Amino acid sequence: MKVSQARLKAAARKVSDNLTKPGPLDLPPVVGLKEIVRMFDVKDNTPYQWRSKGVLPKEDGEVSNNPVWKVTTIYQFAEDTKRTIVWDPWDVLVEDEATQ
């Protein structure tokens, strides 16, 4: 699976539009360790282990003292490490052209 740049730009525009409206975001631009569990369908402690072993990229920031990554960072991590994303929060993944 690869990230569709066109879909990613559309999702980013949606987040940008939501930032100017009152109320919660429909699509958060960051994910934490619990979302990573869901994205990769791994055991609850796996992302914590990945992080402590330096497998996950350095977090992009913190929210309430918890690490968060931009969704795009995690998409790149999946691509770089050939891990399969089973839950795509932004719906930007497409099949590799080579496998079609």
PDB file of N, CA and C in Angstrom:
ATOM      1  N   MET A   1       0.846  -1.181   0.000  1.00  0.00           N
ATOM      2  CA  MET A   1       0.000   0.000   0.000  1.00  0.00           C
ATOM      3  C   MET A   1       0.887   1.239   0.000  1.00  0.00           C
ATOM      4  N   LYS A   2       0.433   2.251  -0.718  1.00  0.00           N
ATOM      5  CA  LYS A   2       1.143   3.524  -0.761  1.00  0.00           C
ATOM      6  C   LYS A   2       0.158   4.638  -0.457  1.00  0.00           C
ATOM      7  N   VAL A   3       0.701   5.740   0.015  1.00  0.00           N
ATOM      8  CA  VAL A   3      -0.118   6.914   0.289  1.00  0.00           C
ATOM      9  C   VAL A   3      -0.423   7.609  -1.022  1.00  0.00           C
ATOM     10  N   SER A   4      -1.699   7.874  -1.257  1.00  0.00           N
ATOM     11  CA  SER A   4      -2.109   8.667  -2.412  1.00  0.00           C
ATOM     12  C   SER A   4      -1.931  10.139  -2.045  1.00  0.00           C
ATOM     13  N   GLN A   5      -1.021  10.807  -2.721  1.00  0.00           N
ATOM     14  CA  GLN A   5      -0.762  12.215  -2.410  1.00  0.00           C
ATOM     15  C   GLN A   5      -2.003  13.074  -2.634  1.00  0.00           C
ATOM     16  N   ALA A   6      -2.788  12.753  -3.635  1.00  0.00           N
ATOM     17  CA  ALA A   6      -4.010  13.525  -3.897  1.00  0.00           C
ATOM     18  C   ALA A   6      -4.996  13.362  -2.746  1.00  0.00           C
ATOM     19  N   ARG A   7      -5.177  12.123  -2.263  1.00  0.00           N
ATOM     20  CA  ARG A   7      -6.082  11.893  -1.131  1.00  0.00           C
ATOM     21  C   ARG A   7      -5.542  12.547   0.138  1.00  0.00           C
ATOM     22  N   LEU A   8      -4.225  12.495   0.319  1.00  0.00           N
ATOM     23  CA  LEU A   8      -3.619  13.096   1.498  1.00  0.00           C
ATOM     24  C   LEU A   8      -3.834  14.613   1.499  1.00  0.00           C
ATOM     25  N   LYS A   9      -3.649  15.248   0.354  1.00  0.00           N
ATOM     26  CA  LYS A   9      -3.869  16.694   0.264  1.00  0.00           C
ATOM     27  C   LYS A   9      -5.325  17.044   0.540  1.00  0.00           C
ATOM     28  N   ALA A  10      -6.256  16.228   0.044  1.00  0.00           N
ATOM     29  CA  ALA A  10      -7.686  16.471   0.297  1.00  0.00           C
ATOM     30  C   ALA A  10      -7.990  16.329   1.787  1.00  0.00           C
ATOM     31  N   ALA A  11      -7.416  15.317   2.432  1.00  0.00           N
ATOM     32  CA  ALA A  11      -7.624  15.128   3.872  1.00  0.00           C
ATOM     33  C   ALA A  11      -7.038  16.293   4.658  1.00  0.00           C
ATOM     34  N   ALA A  12      -5.862  16.765   4.250  1.00  0.00           N
ATOM     35  CA  ALA A  12      -5.238  17.899   4.925  1.00  0.00           C
ATOM     36  C   ALA A  12      -6.089  19.163   4.767  1.00  0.00           C
ATOM     37  N   ARG A  13      -6.674  19.349   3.594  1.00  0.00           N
ATOM     38  CA  ARG A  13      -7.570  20.502   3.379  1.00  0.00           C
ATOM     39  C   ARG A  13      -8.779  20.402   4.309  1.00  0.00           C
ATOM     40  N   LYS A  14      -9.294  19.181   4.499  1.00  0.00           N
ATOM     41  CA  LYS A  14     -10.450  18.978   5.376  1.00  0.00           C
ATOM     42  C   LYS A  14     -10.085  19.366   6.803  1.00  0.00           C
ATOM     43  N   VAL A  15      -8.903  18.948   7.269  1.00  0.00           N
ATOM     44  CA  VAL A  15      -8.452  19.315   8.610  1.00  0.00           C
ATOM     45  C   VAL A  15      -8.317  20.829   8.702  1.00  0.00           C
ATOM     46  N   SER A  16      -7.714  21.430   7.702  1.00  0.00           N
ATOM     47  CA  SER A  16      -7.529  22.872   7.689  1.00  0.00           C
ATOM     48  C   SER A  16      -8.873  23.591   7.762  1.00  0.00           C
ATOM     49  N   ASP A  17      -9.835  23.131   6.990  1.00  0.00           N
ATOM     50  CA  ASP A  17     -11.171  23.737   7.021  1.00  0.00           C
ATOM     51  C   ASP A  17     -11.805  23.592   8.400  1.00  0.00           C
ATOM     52  N   ASN A  18     -11.623  22.416   9.026  1.00  0.00           N
ATOM     53  CA  ASN A  18     -12.212  22.171  10.338  1.00  0.00           C
ATOM     54  C   ASN A  18     -11.596  23.047  11.425  1.00  0.00           C
ATOM     55  N   LEU A  19     -10.342  23.461  11.237  1.00  0.00           N
ATOM     56  CA  LEU A  19      -9.684  24.279  12.249  1.00  0.00           C
ATOM     57  C   LEU A  19     -10.317  25.656  12.374  1.00  0.00           C
ATOM     58  N   THR A  20     -10.982  26.113  11.331  1.00  0.00           N
ATOM     59  CA  THR A  20     -11.579  27.451  11.379  1.00  0.00           C
ATOM     60  C   THR A  20     -13.031  27.425  11.852  1.00  0.00           C
ATOM     61  N   LYS A  21     -13.562  26.235  12.091  1.00  0.00           N
ATOM     62  CA  LYS A  21     -14.945  26.108  12.563  1.00  0.00           C
ATOM     63  C   LYS A  21     -14.953  25.800  14.048  1.00  0.00           C
ATOM     64  N   PRO A  22     -15.975  26.263  14.769  1.00  0.00           N
ATOM     65  CA  PRO A  22     -16.055  25.915  16.190  1.00  0.00           C
ATOM     66  C   PRO A  22     -16.380  24.424  16.359  1.00  0.00           C
ATOM     67  N   GLY A  23     -15.998  23.884  17.504  1.00  0.00           N
ATOM     68  CA  GLY A  23     -16.295  22.484  17.806  1.00  0.00           C
ATOM     69  C   GLY A  23     -15.108  21.580  17.535  1.00  0.00           C
ATOM     70  N   PRO A  24     -15.293  20.286  17.774  1.00  0.00           N
ATOM     71  CA  PRO A  24     -14.183  19.336  17.626  1.00  0.00           C
ATOM     72  C   PRO A  24     -13.852  19.062  16.163  1.00  0.00           C
ATOM     73  N   LEU A  25     -12.629  18.601  15.948  1.00  0.00           N
ATOM     74  CA  LEU A  25     -12.204  18.201  14.609  1.00  0.00           C
ATOM     75  C   LEU A  25     -12.855  16.875  14.240  1.00  0.00           C
ATOM     76  N   ASP A  26     -13.253  16.758  12.992  1.00  0.00           N
ATOM     77  CA  ASP A  26     -13.773  15.484  12.514  1.00  0.00           C
ATOM     78  C   ASP A  26     -12.643  14.483  12.321  1.00  0.00           C
ATOM     79  N   LEU A  27     -11.483  14.967  11.954  1.00  0.00           N
ATOM     80  CA  LEU A  27     -10.365  14.117  11.597  1.00  0.00           C
ATOM     81  C   LEU A  27      -9.113  14.630  12.283  1.00  0.00           C
ATOM     82  N   PRO A  28      -8.657  13.983  13.350  1.00  0.00           N
ATOM     83  CA  PRO A  28      -7.470  14.500  14.027  1.00  0.00           C
ATOM     84  C   PRO A  28      -6.219  14.349  13.166  1.00  0.00           C
ATOM     85  N   PRO A  29      -5.363  15.364  13.145  1.00  0.00           N
ATOM     86  CA  PRO A  29      -4.155  15.297  12.327  1.00  0.00           C
ATOM     87  C   PRO A  29      -3.020  14.520  12.982  1.00  0.00           C
ATOM     88  N   VAL A  30      -3.241  14.034  14.231  1.00  0.00           N
ATOM     89  CA  VAL A  30      -2.206  13.275  14.933  1.00  0.00           C
ATOM     90  C   VAL A  30      -2.793  11.986  15.498  1.00  0.00           C
ATOM     91  N   VAL A  31      -1.901  11.037  15.761  1.00  0.00           N
ATOM     92  CA  VAL A  31      -2.301   9.785  16.400  1.00  0.00           C
ATOM     93  C   VAL A  31      -1.370   9.506  17.568  1.00  0.00           C
ATOM     94  N   GLY A  32      -1.887   8.808  18.551  1.00  0.00           N
ATOM     95  CA  GLY A  32      -1.091   8.385  19.695  1.00  0.00           C
ATOM     96  C   GLY A  32      -0.857   6.887  19.643  1.00  0.00           C
ATOM     97  N   LEU A  33      -0.308   6.362  20.721  1.00  0.00           N
ATOM     98  CA  LEU A  33       0.026   4.947  20.770  1.00  0.00           C
ATOM     99  C   LEU A  33      -1.209   4.057  20.618  1.00  0.00           C
ATOM    100  N   LYS A  34      -2.339   4.473  21.181  1.00  0.00           N
ATOM    101  CA  LYS A  34      -3.555   3.655  21.071  1.00  0.00           C
ATOM    102  C   LYS A  34      -4.080   3.618  19.637  1.00  0.00           C
ATOM    103  N   GLU A  35      -3.968   4.724  18.924  1.00  0.00           N
ATOM    104  CA  GLU A  35      -4.389   4.727  17.519  1.00  0.00           C
ATOM    105  C   GLU A  35      -3.443   3.869  16.676  1.00  0.00           C
ATOM    106  N   ILE A  36      -2.164   3.854  17.034  1.00  0.00           N
ATOM    107  CA  ILE A  36      -1.201   3.025  16.308  1.00  0.00           C
ATOM    108  C   ILE A  36      -1.543   1.548  16.479  1.00  0.00           C
ATOM    109  N   VAL A  37      -1.997   1.172  17.675  1.00  0.00           N
ATOM    110  CA  VAL A  37      -2.469  -0.203  17.899  1.00  0.00           C
ATOM    111  C   VAL A  37      -3.549  -0.532  16.872  1.00  0.00           C
ATOM    112  N   ARG A  38      -4.501   0.355  16.727  1.00  0.00           N
ATOM    113  CA  ARG A  38      -5.618   0.123  15.795  1.00  0.00           C
ATOM    114  C   ARG A  38      -5.160   0.154  14.340  1.00  0.00           C
ATOM    115  N   MET A  39      -4.275   1.099  14.011  1.00  0.00           N
ATOM    116  CA  MET A  39      -3.832   1.225  12.618  1.00  0.00           C
ATOM    117  C   MET A  39      -3.125  -0.046  12.131  1.00  0.00           C
ATOM    118  N   PHE A  40      -2.334  -0.675  13.020  1.00  0.00           N
ATOM    119  CA  PHE A  40      -1.554  -1.845  12.608  1.00  0.00           C
ATOM    120  C   PHE A  40      -2.144  -3.163  13.117  1.00  0.00           C
ATOM    121  N   ASP A  41      -3.228  -3.083  13.873  1.00  0.00           N
ATOM    122  CA  ASP A  41      -3.874  -4.273  14.448  1.00  0.00           C
ATOM    123  C   ASP A  41      -2.849  -5.135  15.181  1.00  0.00           C
ATOM    124  N   VAL A  42      -2.175  -4.503  16.148  1.00  0.00           N
ATOM    125  CA  VAL A  42      -1.178  -5.186  16.954  1.00  0.00           C
ATOM    126  C   VAL A  42      -1.644  -5.199  18.416  1.00  0.00           C
ATOM    127  N   LYS A  43      -0.940  -5.959  19.245  1.00  0.00           N
ATOM    128  CA  LYS A  43      -1.270  -6.015  20.669  1.00  0.00           C
ATOM    129  C   LYS A  43      -1.106  -4.624  21.291  1.00  0.00           C
ATOM    130  N   ASP A  44      -1.845  -4.396  22.365  1.00  0.00           N
ATOM    131  CA  ASP A  44      -1.849  -3.081  23.016  1.00  0.00           C
ATOM    132  C   ASP A  44      -0.466  -2.586  23.402  1.00  0.00           C
ATOM    133  N   ASN A  45       0.442  -3.487  23.780  1.00  0.00           N
ATOM    134  CA  ASN A  45       1.749  -3.039  24.246  1.00  0.00           C
ATOM    135  C   ASN A  45       2.789  -2.917  23.121  1.00  0.00           C
ATOM    136  N   THR A  46       2.464  -3.362  21.926  1.00  0.00           N
ATOM    137  CA  THR A  46       3.438  -3.360  20.830  1.00  0.00           C
ATOM    138  C   THR A  46       3.959  -1.964  20.496  1.00  0.00           C
ATOM    139  N   PRO A  47       3.098  -0.947  20.308  1.00  0.00           N
ATOM    140  CA  PRO A  47       3.650   0.388  20.009  1.00  0.00           C
ATOM    141  C   PRO A  47       4.526   0.939  21.137  1.00  0.00           C
ATOM    142  N   TYR A  48       4.197   0.598  22.386  1.00  0.00           N
ATOM    143  CA  TYR A  48       5.027   1.028  23.509  1.00  0.00           C
ATOM    144  C   TYR A  48       6.417   0.385  23.389  1.00  0.00           C
ATOM    145  N   GLN A  49       6.444  -0.902  23.023  1.00  0.00           N
ATOM    146  CA  GLN A  49       7.723  -1.597  22.837  1.00  0.00           C
ATOM    147  C   GLN A  49       8.485  -1.015  21.648  1.00  0.00           C
ATOM    148  N   TRP A  50       7.776  -0.772  20.532  1.00  0.00           N
ATOM    149  CA  TRP A  50       8.417  -0.162  19.362  1.00  0.00           C
ATOM    150  C   TRP A  50       9.072   1.157  19.755  1.00  0.00           C
ATOM    151  N   ARG A  51       8.349   1.945  20.539  1.00  0.00           N
ATOM    152  CA  ARG A  51       8.865   3.262  20.930  1.00  0.00           C
ATOM    153  C   ARG A  51      10.091   3.118  21.825  1.00  0.00           C
ATOM    154  N   SER A  52      10.022   2.229  22.829  1.00  0.00           N
ATOM    155  CA  SER A  52      11.150   2.078  23.759  1.00  0.00           C
ATOM    156  C   SER A  52      12.374   1.487  23.069  1.00  0.00           C
ATOM    157  N   LYS A  53      12.174   0.706  22.008  1.00  0.00           N
ATOM    158  CA  LYS A  53      13.292   0.106  21.274  1.00  0.00           C
ATOM    159  C   LYS A  53      13.785   0.996  20.129  1.00  0.00           C
ATOM    160  N   GLY A  54      13.129   2.137  19.929  1.00  0.00           N
ATOM    161  CA  GLY A  54      13.540   3.045  18.871  1.00  0.00           C
ATOM    162  C   GLY A  54      13.063   2.640  17.491  1.00  0.00           C
ATOM    163  N   VAL A  55      12.076   1.749  17.426  1.00  0.00           N
ATOM    164  CA  VAL A  55      11.533   1.318  16.133  1.00  0.00           C
ATOM    165  C   VAL A  55      10.628   2.402  15.548  1.00  0.00           C
ATOM    166  N   LEU A  56       9.770   2.977  16.383  1.00  0.00           N
ATOM    167  CA  LEU A  56       8.904   4.073  15.934  1.00  0.00           C
ATOM    168  C   LEU A  56       9.747   5.326  15.721  1.00  0.00           C
ATOM    169  N   PRO A  57       9.358   6.151  14.769  1.00  0.00           N
ATOM    170  CA  PRO A  57      10.065   7.426  14.618  1.00  0.00           C
ATOM    171  C   PRO A  57       9.850   8.294  15.862  1.00  0.00           C
ATOM    172  N   LYS A  58      10.730   9.257  16.042  1.00  0.00           N
ATOM    173  CA  LYS A  58      10.575  10.188  17.163  1.00  0.00           C
ATOM    174  C   LYS A  58       9.220  10.870  17.046  1.00  0.00           C
ATOM    175  N   GLU A  59       8.551  10.988  18.188  1.00  0.00           N
ATOM    176  CA  GLU A  59       7.229  11.610  18.178  1.00  0.00           C
ATOM    177  C   GLU A  59       7.325  13.054  17.687  1.00  0.00           C
ATOM    178  N   ASP A  60       6.223  13.498  17.076  1.00  0.00           N
ATOM    179  CA  ASP A  60       6.176  14.860  16.534  1.00  0.00           C
ATOM    180  C   ASP A  60       5.771  15.877  17.590  1.00  0.00           C
ATOM    181  N   GLY A  61       5.247  15.394  18.714  1.00  0.00           N
ATOM    182  CA  GLY A  61       4.833  16.300  19.779  1.00  0.00           C
ATOM    183  C   GLY A  61       4.233  15.531  20.930  1.00  0.00           C
ATOM    184  N   GLU A  62       3.619  16.259  21.848  1.00  0.00           N
ATOM    185  CA  GLU A  62       2.959  15.658  23.004  1.00  0.00           C
ATOM    186  C   GLU A  62       1.611  16.321  23.214  1.00  0.00           C
ATOM    187  N   VAL A  63       0.671  15.526  23.696  1.00  0.00           N
ATOM    188  CA  VAL A  63      -0.625  16.024  24.138  1.00  0.00           C
ATOM    189  C   VAL A  63      -0.855  15.419  25.518  1.00  0.00           C
ATOM    190  N   SER A  64      -1.013  16.258  26.516  1.00  0.00           N
ATOM    191  CA  SER A  64      -1.183  15.803  27.896  1.00  0.00           C
ATOM    192  C   SER A  64      -0.092  14.822  28.314  1.00  0.00           C
ATOM    193  N   ASN A  65       1.140  15.152  27.994  1.00  0.00           N
ATOM    194  CA  ASN A  65       2.321  14.343  28.322  1.00  0.00           C
ATOM    195  C   ASN A  65       2.340  12.970  27.644  1.00  0.00           C
ATOM    196  N   ASN A  66       1.571  12.790  26.597  1.00  0.00           N
ATOM    197  CA  ASN A  66       1.578  11.547  25.826  1.00  0.00           C
ATOM    198  C   ASN A  66       2.122  11.839  24.430  1.00  0.00           C
ATOM    199  N   PRO A  67       2.924  10.912  23.889  1.00  0.00           N
ATOM    200  CA  PRO A  67       3.498  11.152  22.567  1.00  0.00           C
ATOM    201  C   PRO A  67       2.433  11.100  21.475  1.00  0.00           C
ATOM    202  N   VAL A  68       2.603  11.958  20.474  1.00  0.00           N
ATOM    203  CA  VAL A  68       1.731  11.931  19.298  1.00  0.00           C
ATOM    204  C   VAL A  68       2.590  12.083  18.047  1.00  0.00           C
ATOM    205  N   TRP A  69       2.099  11.502  16.975  1.00  0.00           N
ATOM    206  CA  TRP A  69       2.762  11.587  15.676  1.00  0.00           C
ATOM    207  C   TRP A  69       1.770  12.123  14.668  1.00  0.00           C
ATOM    208  N   LYS A  70       2.274  12.897  13.718  1.00  0.00           N
ATOM    209  CA  LYS A  70       1.423  13.281  12.600  1.00  0.00           C
ATOM    210  C   LYS A  70       1.051  11.995  11.871  1.00  0.00           C
ATOM    211  N   VAL A  71      -0.149  11.940  11.366  1.00  0.00           N
ATOM    212  CA  VAL A  71      -0.586  10.749  10.635  1.00  0.00           C
ATOM    213  C   VAL A  71       0.391  10.459   9.492  1.00  0.00           C
ATOM    214  N   THR A  72       0.870  11.506   8.851  1.00  0.00           N
ATOM    215  CA  THR A  72       1.787  11.313   7.733  1.00  0.00           C
ATOM    216  C   THR A  72       3.098  10.660   8.184  1.00  0.00           C
ATOM    217  N   THR A  73       3.540  10.939   9.402  1.00  0.00           N
ATOM    218  CA  THR A  73       4.746  10.300   9.935  1.00  0.00           C
ATOM    219  C   THR A  73       4.543   8.794  10.056  1.00  0.00           C
ATOM    220  N   ILE A  74       3.362   8.401  10.527  1.00  0.00           N
ATOM    221  CA  ILE A  74       3.083   6.975  10.705  1.00  0.00           C
ATOM    222  C   ILE A  74       2.881   6.295   9.353  1.00  0.00           C
ATOM    223  N   TYR A  75       2.264   6.989   8.382  1.00  0.00           N
ATOM    224  CA  TYR A  75       2.167   6.407   7.035  1.00  0.00           C
ATOM    225  C   TYR A  75       3.573   6.151   6.481  1.00  0.00           C
ATOM    226  N   GLN A  76       4.479   7.106   6.665  1.00  0.00           N
ATOM    227  CA  GLN A  76       5.845   6.942   6.168  1.00  0.00           C
ATOM    228  C   GLN A  76       6.553   5.811   6.901  1.00  0.00           C
ATOM    229  N   PHE A  77       6.338   5.710   8.211  1.00  0.00           N
ATOM    230  CA  PHE A  77       6.903   4.614   9.003  1.00  0.00           C
ATOM    231  C   PHE A  77       6.444   3.269   8.446  1.00  0.00           C
ATOM    232  N   ALA A  78       5.161   3.153   8.151  1.00  0.00           N
ATOM    233  CA  ALA A  78       4.627   1.898   7.606  1.00  0.00           C
ATOM    234  C   ALA A  78       5.270   1.575   6.265  1.00  0.00           C
ATOM    235  N   GLU A  79       5.398   2.580   5.432  1.00  0.00           N
ATOM    236  CA  GLU A  79       5.998   2.372   4.119  1.00  0.00           C
ATOM    237  C   GLU A  79       7.473   1.989   4.241  1.00  0.00           C
ATOM    238  N   ASP A  80       8.201   2.682   5.097  1.00  0.00           N
ATOM    239  CA  ASP A  80       9.635   2.427   5.267  1.00  0.00           C
ATOM    240  C   ASP A  80       9.913   1.041   5.841  1.00  0.00           C
ATOM    241  N   THR A  81       9.028   0.580   6.740  1.00  0.00           N
ATOM    242  CA  THR A  81       9.254  -0.698   7.417  1.00  0.00           C
ATOM    243  C   THR A  81       8.430  -1.828   6.813  1.00  0.00           C
ATOM    244  N   LYS A  82       7.711  -1.520   5.735  1.00  0.00           N
ATOM    245  CA  LYS A  82       6.876  -2.506   5.029  1.00  0.00           C
ATOM    246  C   LYS A  82       5.828  -3.141   5.950  1.00  0.00           C
ATOM    247  N   ARG A  83       5.298  -2.336   6.890  1.00  0.00           N
ATOM    248  CA  ARG A  83       4.224  -2.794   7.766  1.00  0.00           C
ATOM    249  C   ARG A  83       2.892  -2.441   7.117  1.00  0.00           C
ATOM    250  N   THR A  84       1.910  -3.294   7.318  1.00  0.00           N
ATOM    251  CA  THR A  84       0.594  -3.101   6.718  1.00  0.00           C
ATOM    252  C   THR A  84      -0.323  -2.335   7.658  1.00  0.00           C
ATOM    253  N   ILE A  85      -0.905  -1.278   7.144  1.00  0.00           N
ATOM    254  CA  ILE A  85      -1.908  -0.520   7.896  1.00  0.00           C
ATOM    255  C   ILE A  85      -3.264  -1.154   7.604  1.00  0.00           C
ATOM    256  N   VAL A  86      -3.962  -1.553   8.668  1.00  0.00           N
ATOM    257  CA  VAL A  86      -5.273  -2.177   8.491  1.00  0.00           C
ATOM    258  C   VAL A  86      -6.410  -1.194   8.753  1.00  0.00           C
ATOM    259  N   TRP A  87      -6.133  -0.110   9.477  1.00  0.00           N
ATOM    260  CA  TRP A  87      -7.113   0.957   9.678  1.00  0.00           C
ATOM    261  C   TRP A  87      -6.459   2.242   9.216  1.00  0.00           C
ATOM    262  N   ASP A  88      -7.013   2.819   8.185  1.00  0.00           N
ATOM    263  CA  ASP A  88      -6.472   4.019   7.559  1.00  0.00           C
ATOM    264  C   ASP A  88      -7.352   5.205   7.952  1.00  0.00           C
ATOM    265  N   PRO A  89      -6.974   5.956   9.008  1.00  0.00           N
ATOM    266  CA  PRO A  89      -7.862   7.004   9.500  1.00  0.00           C
ATOM    267  C   PRO A  89      -8.169   8.097   8.491  1.00  0.00           C
ATOM    268  N   TRP A  90      -7.285   8.323   7.538  1.00  0.00           N
ATOM    269  CA  TRP A  90      -7.523   9.378   6.549  1.00  0.00           C
ATOM    270  C   TRP A  90      -7.949   8.830   5.201  1.00  0.00           C
ATOM    271  N   ASP A  91      -8.019   7.520   5.054  1.00  0.00           N
ATOM    272  CA  ASP A  91      -8.434   6.893   3.798  1.00  0.00           C
ATOM    273  C   ASP A  91      -7.607   7.407   2.620  1.00  0.00           C
ATOM    274  N   VAL A  92      -6.283   7.348   2.777  1.00  0.00           N
ATOM    275  CA  VAL A  92      -5.398   7.844   1.719  1.00  0.00           C
ATOM    276  C   VAL A  92      -4.532   6.750   1.112  1.00  0.00           C
ATOM    277  N   LEU A  93      -4.669   5.522   1.602  1.00  0.00           N
ATOM    278  CA  LEU A  93      -3.845   4.445   1.058  1.00  0.00           C
ATOM    279  C   LEU A  93      -4.460   3.850  -0.192  1.00  0.00           C
ATOM    280  N   VAL A  94      -3.614   3.515  -1.126  1.00  0.00           N
ATOM    281  CA  VAL A  94      -4.050   2.854  -2.355  1.00  0.00           C
ATOM    282  C   VAL A  94      -3.122   1.677  -2.587  1.00  0.00           C
ATOM    283  N   GLU A  95      -3.581   0.713  -3.359  1.00  0.00           N
ATOM    284  CA  GLU A  95      -2.747  -0.443  -3.701  1.00  0.00           C
ATOM    285  C   GLU A  95      -1.542   0.010  -4.485  1.00  0.00           C
ATOM    286  N   ASP A  96      -0.401  -0.657  -4.241  1.00  0.00           N
ATOM    287  CA  ASP A  96       0.788  -0.384  -5.052  1.00  0.00           C
ATOM    288  C   ASP A  96       0.485  -0.732  -6.494  1.00  0.00           C
ATOM    289  N   GLU A  97       0.957   0.093  -7.395  1.00  0.00           N
ATOM    290  CA  GLU A  97       0.728  -0.171  -8.820  1.00  0.00           C
ATOM    291  C   GLU A  97       1.373  -1.485  -9.228  1.00  0.00           C
ATOM    292  N   ALA A  98       2.475  -1.855  -8.606  1.00  0.00           N
ATOM    293  CA  ALA A  98       3.183  -3.085  -8.963  1.00  0.00           C
ATOM    294  C   ALA A  98       2.382  -4.330  -8.603  1.00  0.00           C
ATOM    295  N   THR A  99       1.472  -4.224  -7.607  1.00  0.00           N
ATOM    296  CA  THR A  99       0.703  -5.385  -7.193  1.00  0.00           C
ATOM    297  C   THR A  99      -0.656  -5.455  -7.859  1.00  0.00           C
ATOM    298  N   GLN A 100      -0.966  -4.492  -8.679  1.00  0.00           N
ATOM    299  CA  GLN A 100      -2.281  -4.489  -9.329  1.00  0.00           C
ATOM    300  C   GLN A 100      -2.240  -5.205 -10.640  1.00  0.00           C
TER     301      GLN A 100
END
